[in-house]
Amino acid sequence: QLSSVTPEDTAVYYCAKRSESSWP
């Protein structure tokens, strides 16, 4: 949740996973 958005918040949004083996 991102509140008080402005046009500068326009973007492609991704979710991603890190794990102990993948770090960083």
PDB file of all heavy atoms in Angstrom:
ATOM      1  N   GLN A   1       0.849  -1.185   0.000  1.00  0.00           N
ATOM      2  CA  GLN A   1       0.000   0.000   0.000  1.00  0.00           C
ATOM      3  C   GLN A   1       0.885   1.235   0.000  1.00  0.00           C
ATOM      4  O   GLN A   1       1.747   1.387   0.869  1.00  0.00           O
ATOM      5  CB  GLN A   1      -0.943   0.012   1.199  1.00  0.00           C
ATOM      6  CG  GLN A   1      -1.990  -1.098   1.168  1.00  0.00           C
ATOM      7  CD  GLN A   1      -3.027  -0.939   2.251  1.00  0.00           C
ATOM      8  OE1 GLN A   1      -2.756  -0.383   3.315  1.00  0.00           O
ATOM      9  NE2 GLN A   1      -4.223  -1.427   1.987  1.00  0.00           N
ATOM     10  N   LEU A   2       0.663   2.096  -0.972  1.00  0.00           N
ATOM     11  CA  LEU A   2       1.412   3.334  -1.110  1.00  0.00           C
ATOM     12  C   LEU A   2       0.405   4.467  -1.111  1.00  0.00           C
ATOM     13  O   LEU A   2      -0.390   4.604  -2.044  1.00  0.00           O
ATOM     14  CB  LEU A   2       2.229   3.326  -2.403  1.00  0.00           C
ATOM     15  CG  LEU A   2       3.097   4.554  -2.685  1.00  0.00           C
ATOM     16  CD1 LEU A   2       4.211   4.668  -1.661  1.00  0.00           C
ATOM     17  CD2 LEU A   2       3.662   4.484  -4.104  1.00  0.00           C
ATOM     18  N   SER A   3       0.427   5.270  -0.088  1.00  0.00           N
ATOM     19  CA  SER A   3      -0.564   6.325   0.089  1.00  0.00           C
ATOM     20  C   SER A   3      -0.114   7.633  -0.545  1.00  0.00           C
ATOM     21  O   SER A   3       1.051   7.825  -0.897  1.00  0.00           O
ATOM     22  CB  SER A   3      -0.860   6.533   1.579  1.00  0.00           C
ATOM     23  OG  SER A   3       0.279   7.016   2.256  1.00  0.00           O
ATOM     24  N   SER A   4      -1.071   8.553  -0.688  1.00  0.00           N
ATOM     25  CA  SER A   4      -0.800   9.909  -1.172  1.00  0.00           C
ATOM     26  C   SER A   4       0.000   9.913  -2.461  1.00  0.00           C
ATOM     27  O   SER A   4       0.995  10.626  -2.597  1.00  0.00           O
ATOM     28  CB  SER A   4      -0.080  10.716  -0.084  1.00  0.00           C
ATOM     29  OG  SER A   4      -0.824  10.761   1.110  1.00  0.00           O
ATOM     30  N   VAL A   5      -0.437   9.138  -3.422  1.00  0.00           N
ATOM     31  CA  VAL A   5       0.338   8.992  -4.648  1.00  0.00           C
ATOM     32  C   VAL A   5       0.276  10.251  -5.502  1.00  0.00           C
ATOM     33  O   VAL A   5      -0.677  11.037  -5.435  1.00  0.00           O
ATOM     34  CB  VAL A   5      -0.125   7.779  -5.468  1.00  0.00           C
ATOM     35  CG1 VAL A   5       0.074   6.503  -4.667  1.00  0.00           C
ATOM     36  CG2 VAL A   5      -1.576   7.926  -5.899  1.00  0.00           C
ATOM     37  N   THR A   6       1.318  10.435  -6.300  1.00  0.00           N
ATOM     38  CA  THR A   6       1.424  11.503  -7.276  1.00  0.00           C
ATOM     39  C   THR A   6       1.779  10.885  -8.619  1.00  0.00           C
ATOM     40  O   THR A   6       2.109   9.701  -8.706  1.00  0.00           O
ATOM     41  CB  THR A   6       2.499  12.523  -6.878  1.00  0.00           C
ATOM     42  OG1 THR A   6       3.802  11.953  -7.083  1.00  0.00           O
ATOM     43  CG2 THR A   6       2.354  12.934  -5.420  1.00  0.00           C
ATOM     44  N   PRO A   7       1.738  11.669  -9.702  1.00  0.00           N
ATOM     45  CA  PRO A   7       2.149  11.116 -10.998  1.00  0.00           C
ATOM     46  C   PRO A   7       3.561  10.546 -11.014  1.00  0.00           C
ATOM     47  O   PRO A   7       3.860   9.683 -11.851  1.00  0.00           O
ATOM     48  CB  PRO A   7       2.016  12.318 -11.939  1.00  0.00           C
ATOM     49  CG  PRO A   7       0.911  13.120 -11.343  1.00  0.00           C
ATOM     50  CD  PRO A   7       1.113  12.999  -9.866  1.00  0.00           C
ATOM     51  N   GLU A   8       4.430  10.998 -10.113  1.00  0.00           N
ATOM     52  CA  GLU A   8       5.788  10.457 -10.046  1.00  0.00           C
ATOM     53  C   GLU A   8       5.822   9.019  -9.544  1.00  0.00           C
ATOM     54  O   GLU A   8       6.861   8.364  -9.640  1.00  0.00           O
ATOM     55  CB  GLU A   8       6.668  11.344  -9.169  1.00  0.00           C
ATOM     56  CG  GLU A   8       6.930  12.728  -9.775  1.00  0.00           C
ATOM     57  CD  GLU A   8       7.893  13.562  -8.958  1.00  0.00           C
ATOM     58  OE1 GLU A   8       8.216  13.171  -7.819  1.00  0.00           O
ATOM     59  OE2 GLU A   8       8.325  14.615  -9.460  1.00  0.00           O
ATOM     60  N   ASP A   9       4.725   8.536  -9.015  1.00  0.00           N
ATOM     61  CA  ASP A   9       4.633   7.138  -8.604  1.00  0.00           C
ATOM     62  C   ASP A   9       4.250   6.216  -9.754  1.00  0.00           C
ATOM     63  O   ASP A   9       4.168   4.995  -9.563  1.00  0.00           O
ATOM     64  CB  ASP A   9       3.626   6.984  -7.461  1.00  0.00           C
ATOM     65  CG  ASP A   9       4.097   7.653  -6.186  1.00  0.00           C
ATOM     66  OD1 ASP A   9       5.254   7.418  -5.784  1.00  0.00           O
ATOM     67  OD2 ASP A   9       3.301   8.413  -5.591  1.00  0.00           O
ATOM     68  N   THR A  10       3.986   6.766 -10.923  1.00  0.00           N
ATOM     69  CA  THR A  10       3.721   5.943 -12.098  1.00  0.00           C
ATOM     70  C   THR A  10       4.934   5.067 -12.396  1.00  0.00           C
ATOM     71  O   THR A  10       6.060   5.561 -12.506  1.00  0.00           O
ATOM     72  CB  THR A  10       3.392   6.820 -13.307  1.00  0.00           C
ATOM     73  OG1 THR A  10       2.164   7.513 -13.076  1.00  0.00           O
ATOM     74  CG2 THR A  10       3.257   5.976 -14.567  1.00  0.00           C
ATOM     75  N   ALA A  11       4.713   3.763 -12.520  1.00  0.00           N
ATOM     76  CA  ALA A  11       5.822   2.832 -12.702  1.00  0.00           C
ATOM     77  C   ALA A  11       5.278   1.446 -12.987  1.00  0.00           C
ATOM     78  O   ALA A  11       4.082   1.182 -12.845  1.00  0.00           O
ATOM     79  CB  ALA A  11       6.707   2.788 -11.453  1.00  0.00           C
ATOM     80  N   VAL A  12       6.186   0.566 -13.392  1.00  0.00           N
ATOM     81  CA  VAL A  12       5.901  -0.862 -13.384  1.00  0.00           C
ATOM     82  C   VAL A  12       6.306  -1.388 -12.016  1.00  0.00           C
ATOM     83  O   VAL A  12       7.437  -1.172 -11.571  1.00  0.00           O
ATOM     84  CB  VAL A  12       6.650  -1.603 -14.499  1.00  0.00           C
ATOM     85  CG1 VAL A  12       6.386  -3.105 -14.411  1.00  0.00           C
ATOM     86  CG2 VAL A  12       6.231  -1.073 -15.861  1.00  0.00           C
ATOM     87  N   TYR A  13       5.398  -2.064 -11.354  1.00  0.00           N
ATOM     88  CA  TYR A  13       5.634  -2.579 -10.019  1.00  0.00           C
ATOM     89  C   TYR A  13       5.828  -4.089 -10.070  1.00  0.00           C
ATOM     90  O   TYR A  13       5.049  -4.808 -10.697  1.00  0.00           O
ATOM     91  CB  TYR A  13       4.460  -2.231  -9.097  1.00  0.00           C
ATOM     92  CG  TYR A  13       4.421  -0.776  -8.698  1.00  0.00           C
ATOM     93  CD1 TYR A  13       4.008   0.204  -9.597  1.00  0.00           C
ATOM     94  CD2 TYR A  13       4.812  -0.371  -7.421  1.00  0.00           C
ATOM     95  CE1 TYR A  13       3.991   1.543  -9.240  1.00  0.00           C
ATOM     96  CE2 TYR A  13       4.793   0.956  -7.056  1.00  0.00           C
ATOM     97  CZ  TYR A  13       4.381   1.914  -7.970  1.00  0.00           C
ATOM     98  OH  TYR A  13       4.366   3.247  -7.606  1.00  0.00           O
ATOM     99  N   TYR A  14       6.870  -4.554  -9.395  1.00  0.00           N
ATOM    100  CA  TYR A  14       7.214  -5.972  -9.352  1.00  0.00           C
ATOM    101  C   TYR A  14       7.217  -6.481  -7.922  1.00  0.00           C
ATOM    102  O   TYR A  14       7.592  -5.763  -6.993  1.00  0.00           O
ATOM    103  CB  TYR A  14       8.616  -6.218  -9.908  1.00  0.00           C
ATOM    104  CG  TYR A  14       8.845  -5.828 -11.346  1.00  0.00           C
ATOM    105  CD1 TYR A  14       9.311  -4.553 -11.666  1.00  0.00           C
ATOM    106  CD2 TYR A  14       8.630  -6.733 -12.371  1.00  0.00           C
ATOM    107  CE1 TYR A  14       9.543  -4.186 -12.979  1.00  0.00           C
ATOM    108  CE2 TYR A  14       8.862  -6.379 -13.688  1.00  0.00           C
ATOM    109  CZ  TYR A  14       9.322  -5.104 -13.985  1.00  0.00           C
ATOM    110  OH  TYR A  14       9.561  -4.746 -15.293  1.00  0.00           O
ATOM    111  N   CYS A  15       6.831  -7.726  -7.755  1.00  0.00           N
ATOM    112  CA  CYS A  15       7.152  -8.428  -6.530  1.00  0.00           C
ATOM    113  C   CYS A  15       8.210  -9.481  -6.837  1.00  0.00           C
ATOM    114  O   CYS A  15       8.286 -10.003  -7.952  1.00  0.00           O
ATOM    115  CB  CYS A  15       5.919  -9.057  -5.872  1.00  0.00           C
ATOM    116  SG  CYS A  15       4.939 -10.191  -6.880  1.00  0.00           S
ATOM    117  N   ALA A  16       9.049  -9.774  -5.850  1.00  0.00           N
ATOM    118  CA  ALA A  16      10.165 -10.684  -6.053  1.00  0.00           C
ATOM    119  C   ALA A  16      10.531 -11.357  -4.734  1.00  0.00           C
ATOM    120  O   ALA A  16      10.193 -10.864  -3.658  1.00  0.00           O
ATOM    121  CB  ALA A  16      11.378  -9.940  -6.619  1.00  0.00           C
ATOM    122  N   LYS A  17      11.249 -12.439  -4.843  1.00  0.00           N
ATOM    123  CA  LYS A  17      11.631 -13.239  -3.681  1.00  0.00           C
ATOM    124  C   LYS A  17      13.152 -13.332  -3.552  1.00  0.00           C
ATOM    125  O   LYS A  17      13.846 -13.609  -4.533  1.00  0.00           O
ATOM    126  CB  LYS A  17      11.054 -14.654  -3.782  1.00  0.00           C
ATOM    127  CG  LYS A  17      11.563 -15.633  -2.727  1.00  0.00           C
ATOM    128  CD  LYS A  17      10.972 -17.014  -2.930  1.00  0.00           C
ATOM    129  CE  LYS A  17      11.544 -18.034  -1.945  1.00  0.00           C
ATOM    130  NZ  LYS A  17      12.927 -18.409  -2.325  1.00  0.00           N
ATOM    131  N   ARG A  18      13.655 -13.106  -2.348  1.00  0.00           N
ATOM    132  CA  ARG A  18      15.021 -13.431  -1.971  1.00  0.00           C
ATOM    133  C   ARG A  18      15.011 -14.601  -1.001  1.00  0.00           C
ATOM    134  O   ARG A  18      14.080 -14.765  -0.212  1.00  0.00           O
ATOM    135  CB  ARG A  18      15.705 -12.249  -1.295  1.00  0.00           C
ATOM    136  CG  ARG A  18      16.385 -11.274  -2.228  1.00  0.00           C
ATOM    137  CD  ARG A  18      17.002 -10.143  -1.452  1.00  0.00           C
ATOM    138  NE  ARG A  18      17.837  -9.301  -2.298  1.00  0.00           N
ATOM    139  CZ  ARG A  18      18.310  -8.123  -1.946  1.00  0.00           C
ATOM    140  NH1 ARG A  18      18.024  -7.628  -0.757  1.00  0.00           N
ATOM    141  NH2 ARG A  18      19.068  -7.430  -2.789  1.00  0.00           N
ATOM    142  N   SER A  19      16.067 -15.408  -1.048  1.00  0.00           N
ATOM    143  CA  SER A  19      16.246 -16.503  -0.107  1.00  0.00           C
ATOM    144  C   SER A  19      17.687 -16.513   0.362  1.00  0.00           C
ATOM    145  O   SER A  19      18.533 -15.760  -0.136  1.00  0.00           O
ATOM    146  CB  SER A  19      15.867 -17.841  -0.744  1.00  0.00           C
ATOM    147  OG  SER A  19      16.755 -18.159  -1.805  1.00  0.00           O
ATOM    148  N   GLU A  20      17.987 -17.358   1.323  1.00  0.00           N
ATOM    149  CA  GLU A  20      19.351 -17.455   1.832  1.00  0.00           C
ATOM    150  C   GLU A  20      20.323 -17.832   0.722  1.00  0.00           C
ATOM    151  O   GLU A  20      21.429 -17.298   0.645  1.00  0.00           O
ATOM    152  CB  GLU A  20      19.410 -18.473   2.965  1.00  0.00           C
ATOM    153  CG  GLU A  20      20.780 -18.579   3.620  1.00  0.00           C
ATOM    154  CD  GLU A  20      20.784 -19.513   4.806  1.00  0.00           C
ATOM    155  OE1 GLU A  20      19.847 -20.327   4.929  1.00  0.00           O
ATOM    156  OE2 GLU A  20      21.724 -19.436   5.620  1.00  0.00           O
ATOM    157  N   SER A  21      19.922 -18.739  -0.150  1.00  0.00           N
ATOM    158  CA  SER A  21      20.802 -19.195  -1.207  1.00  0.00           C
ATOM    159  C   SER A  21      20.946 -18.177  -2.338  1.00  0.00           C
ATOM    160  O   SER A  21      21.973 -18.158  -3.026  1.00  0.00           O
ATOM    161  CB  SER A  21      20.312 -20.529  -1.772  1.00  0.00           C
ATOM    162  OG  SER A  21      19.007 -20.416  -2.311  1.00  0.00           O
ATOM    163  N   SER A  22      19.934 -17.346  -2.558  1.00  0.00           N
ATOM    164  CA  SER A  22      19.977 -16.391  -3.650  1.00  0.00           C
ATOM    165  C   SER A  22      20.633 -15.069  -3.267  1.00  0.00           C
ATOM    166  O   SER A  22      21.062 -14.314  -4.146  1.00  0.00           O
ATOM    167  CB  SER A  22      18.575 -16.114  -4.187  1.00  0.00           C
ATOM    168  OG  SER A  22      17.832 -15.308  -3.278  1.00  0.00           O
ATOM    169  N   TRP A  23      20.683 -14.769  -1.990  1.00  0.00           N
ATOM    170  CA  TRP A  23      21.158 -13.475  -1.513  1.00  0.00           C
ATOM    171  C   TRP A  23      22.510 -13.128  -2.104  1.00  0.00           C
ATOM    172  O   TRP A  23      23.423 -13.965  -2.121  1.00  0.00           O
ATOM    173  CB  TRP A  23      21.257 -13.506   0.017  1.00  0.00           C
ATOM    174  CG  TRP A  23      21.303 -12.160   0.614  1.00  0.00           C
ATOM    175  CD1 TRP A  23      22.416 -11.379   0.809  1.00  0.00           C
ATOM    176  CD2 TRP A  23      20.190 -11.415   1.107  1.00  0.00           C
ATOM    177  NE1 TRP A  23      22.058 -10.201   1.392  1.00  0.00           N
ATOM    178  CE2 TRP A  23      20.694 -10.194   1.593  1.00  0.00           C
ATOM    179  CE3 TRP A  23      18.820 -11.675   1.189  1.00  0.00           C
ATOM    180  CZ2 TRP A  23      19.876  -9.230   2.148  1.00  0.00           C
ATOM    181  CZ3 TRP A  23      18.004 -10.716   1.735  1.00  0.00           C
ATOM    182  CH2 TRP A  23      18.538  -9.515   2.208  1.00  0.00           C
ATOM    183  N   PRO A  24      22.718 -11.885  -2.589  1.00  0.00           N
ATOM    184  CA  PRO A  24      21.812 -10.744  -2.548  1.00  0.00           C
ATOM    185  C   PRO A  24      20.879 -10.612  -3.746  1.00  0.00           C
ATOM    186  O   PRO A  24      20.200  -9.582  -3.873  1.00  0.00           O
ATOM    187  CB  PRO A  24      22.795  -9.572  -2.508  1.00  0.00           C
ATOM    188  CG  PRO A  24      23.911 -10.023  -3.392  1.00  0.00           C
ATOM    189  CD  PRO A  24      24.052 -11.506  -3.121  1.00  0.00           C
TER     190      PRO A  24
END
